[in-house]
Amino acid sequence: MMSEHVQDKLYDEVLEVLDKLRPFLQRDGGDVELVDVEDGIVKLRLMGACGSCPSSTITLKAGIERALFEEVDGVQEVVQVF
């Protein structure tokens, strides 16, 4: 179990990376919302065009998850919530 401080820091760092990725998602008519970060698991909601796009899983895993793994220590997994 992570301390609250580590949890908050992780949340902020994830948010920072998402803000960098957001323009690319918005360009395609979508967006992403950070729902929660719990014990290294990042819960995201894909919105707009991204929510219904058949490639959303690829976007989530290959794009967003990879960026988070590279830039944020402590991220274990990225999951999509609806």
C-alpha atoms as a PDB file:
ATOM      1  CA  MET A   1       0.000   0.000   0.000  1.00  0.00           C
ATOM      2  CA  MET A   2       1.400   3.379  -0.982  1.00  0.00           C
ATOM      3  CA  SER A   3       1.495   6.305   1.389  1.00  0.00           C
ATOM      4  CA  GLU A   4      -0.909   9.151   0.696  1.00  0.00           C
ATOM      5  CA  HIS A   5       1.992  11.430  -0.219  1.00  0.00           C
ATOM      6  CA  VAL A   6       3.356   8.965  -2.785  1.00  0.00           C
ATOM      7  CA  GLN A   7      -0.193   8.462  -4.103  1.00  0.00           C
ATOM      8  CA  ASP A   8      -0.702  12.240  -4.531  1.00  0.00           C
ATOM      9  CA  LYS A   9       2.683  12.647  -6.218  1.00  0.00           C
ATOM     10  CA  LEU A  10       1.889   9.783  -8.591  1.00  0.00           C
ATOM     11  CA  TYR A  11      -1.514  11.324  -9.380  1.00  0.00           C
ATOM     12  CA  ASP A  12       0.090  14.691 -10.173  1.00  0.00           C
ATOM     13  CA  GLU A  13       2.779  13.126 -12.355  1.00  0.00           C
ATOM     14  CA  VAL A  14       0.205  11.066 -14.272  1.00  0.00           C
ATOM     15  CA  LEU A  15      -1.878  14.204 -14.782  1.00  0.00           C
ATOM     16  CA  GLU A  16       1.179  16.013 -16.148  1.00  0.00           C
ATOM     17  CA  VAL A  17       1.825  13.284 -18.748  1.00  0.00           C
ATOM     18  CA  LEU A  18      -1.866  13.177 -19.712  1.00  0.00           C
ATOM     19  CA  ASP A  19      -1.816  16.939 -20.258  1.00  0.00           C
ATOM     20  CA  LYS A  20       1.039  16.434 -22.735  1.00  0.00           C
ATOM     21  CA  LEU A  21      -0.884  13.707 -24.580  1.00  0.00           C
ATOM     22  CA  ARG A  22      -4.270  15.466 -24.511  1.00  0.00           C
ATOM     23  CA  PRO A  23      -3.716  17.644 -27.644  1.00  0.00           C
ATOM     24  CA  PHE A  24      -3.158  14.498 -29.742  1.00  0.00           C
ATOM     25  CA  LEU A  25      -6.382  12.947 -28.461  1.00  0.00           C
ATOM     26  CA  GLN A  26      -8.314  16.187 -28.948  1.00  0.00           C
ATOM     27  CA  ARG A  27      -7.022  16.475 -32.499  1.00  0.00           C
ATOM     28  CA  ASP A  28      -8.889  13.229 -33.204  1.00  0.00           C
ATOM     29  CA  GLY A  29     -12.029  14.448 -31.414  1.00  0.00           C
ATOM     30  CA  GLY A  30     -11.381  12.658 -28.139  1.00  0.00           C
ATOM     31  CA  ASP A  31     -10.063  13.289 -24.665  1.00  0.00           C
ATOM     32  CA  VAL A  32      -8.983  11.442 -21.548  1.00  0.00           C
ATOM     33  CA  GLU A  33     -10.016  11.856 -17.919  1.00  0.00           C
ATOM     34  CA  LEU A  34      -7.956  10.642 -14.977  1.00  0.00           C
ATOM     35  CA  VAL A  35     -10.435   8.832 -12.749  1.00  0.00           C
ATOM     36  CA  ASP A  36      -8.087   7.506 -10.076  1.00  0.00           C
ATOM     37  CA  VAL A  37      -4.607   6.244  -9.273  1.00  0.00           C
ATOM     38  CA  GLU A  38      -4.616   3.419  -6.763  1.00  0.00           C
ATOM     39  CA  ASP A  39      -1.560   1.349  -5.822  1.00  0.00           C
ATOM     40  CA  GLY A  40       0.107   2.057  -9.155  1.00  0.00           C
ATOM     41  CA  ILE A  41      -2.988   1.315 -11.228  1.00  0.00           C
ATOM     42  CA  VAL A  42      -4.051   4.294 -13.315  1.00  0.00           C
ATOM     43  CA  LYS A  43      -7.766   4.393 -14.112  1.00  0.00           C
ATOM     44  CA  LEU A  44      -8.664   6.423 -17.173  1.00  0.00           C
ATOM     45  CA  ARG A  45     -11.881   7.254 -18.948  1.00  0.00           C
ATOM     46  CA  LEU A  46     -11.584   7.832 -22.681  1.00  0.00           C
ATOM     47  CA  MET A  47     -14.078  10.419 -23.846  1.00  0.00           C
ATOM     48  CA  GLY A  48     -15.504  11.831 -27.043  1.00  0.00           C
ATOM     49  CA  ALA A  49     -14.387  10.005 -30.181  1.00  0.00           C
ATOM     50  CA  CYS A  50     -11.874   8.007 -28.101  1.00  0.00           C
ATOM     51  CA  GLY A  51     -14.635   6.408 -26.034  1.00  0.00           C
ATOM     52  CA  SER A  52     -16.200   4.654 -29.028  1.00  0.00           C
ATOM     53  CA  CYS A  53     -13.148   4.278 -31.254  1.00  0.00           C
ATOM     54  CA  PRO A  54     -12.210   0.677 -32.122  1.00  0.00           C
ATOM     55  CA  SER A  55      -8.549   1.634 -31.642  1.00  0.00           C
ATOM     56  CA  SER A  56      -9.116   2.973 -28.119  1.00  0.00           C
ATOM     57  CA  THR A  57      -7.506  -0.089 -26.491  1.00  0.00           C
ATOM     58  CA  ILE A  58      -4.405   0.413 -28.638  1.00  0.00           C
ATOM     59  CA  THR A  59      -4.402   4.136 -27.811  1.00  0.00           C
ATOM     60  CA  LEU A  60      -4.705   3.289 -24.128  1.00  0.00           C
ATOM     61  CA  LYS A  61      -2.101   0.506 -23.965  1.00  0.00           C
ATOM     62  CA  ALA A  62       0.425   1.393 -26.673  1.00  0.00           C
ATOM     63  CA  GLY A  63       0.145   5.152 -26.384  1.00  0.00           C
ATOM     64  CA  ILE A  64      -0.910   6.338 -22.957  1.00  0.00           C
ATOM     65  CA  GLU A  65       0.339   3.387 -20.891  1.00  0.00           C
ATOM     66  CA  ARG A  66       3.741   3.361 -22.583  1.00  0.00           C
ATOM     67  CA  ALA A  67       4.168   7.111 -22.040  1.00  0.00           C
ATOM     68  CA  LEU A  68       3.229   6.729 -18.375  1.00  0.00           C
ATOM     69  CA  PHE A  69       5.629   3.791 -17.883  1.00  0.00           C
ATOM     70  CA  GLU A  70       8.457   5.857 -19.387  1.00  0.00           C
ATOM     71  CA  GLU A  71       7.783   9.051 -17.474  1.00  0.00           C
ATOM     72  CA  VAL A  72       6.249   8.102 -14.124  1.00  0.00           C
ATOM     73  CA  ASP A  73       7.887   5.757 -11.613  1.00  0.00           C
ATOM     74  CA  GLY A  74       5.377   3.585  -9.810  1.00  0.00           C
ATOM     75  CA  VAL A  75       2.804   3.079 -12.565  1.00  0.00           C
ATOM     76  CA  GLN A  76       1.979  -0.650 -12.713  1.00  0.00           C
ATOM     77  CA  GLU A  77      -0.893  -0.725 -15.163  1.00  0.00           C
ATOM     78  CA  VAL A  78      -3.336   1.490 -17.028  1.00  0.00           C
ATOM     79  CA  VAL A  79      -6.969   0.408 -17.173  1.00  0.00           C
ATOM     80  CA  GLN A  80      -9.968   1.915 -18.883  1.00  0.00           C
ATOM     81  CA  VAL A  81     -13.103   2.583 -16.862  1.00  0.00           C
ATOM     82  CA  PHE A  82     -16.494   3.372 -18.333  1.00  0.00           C
END
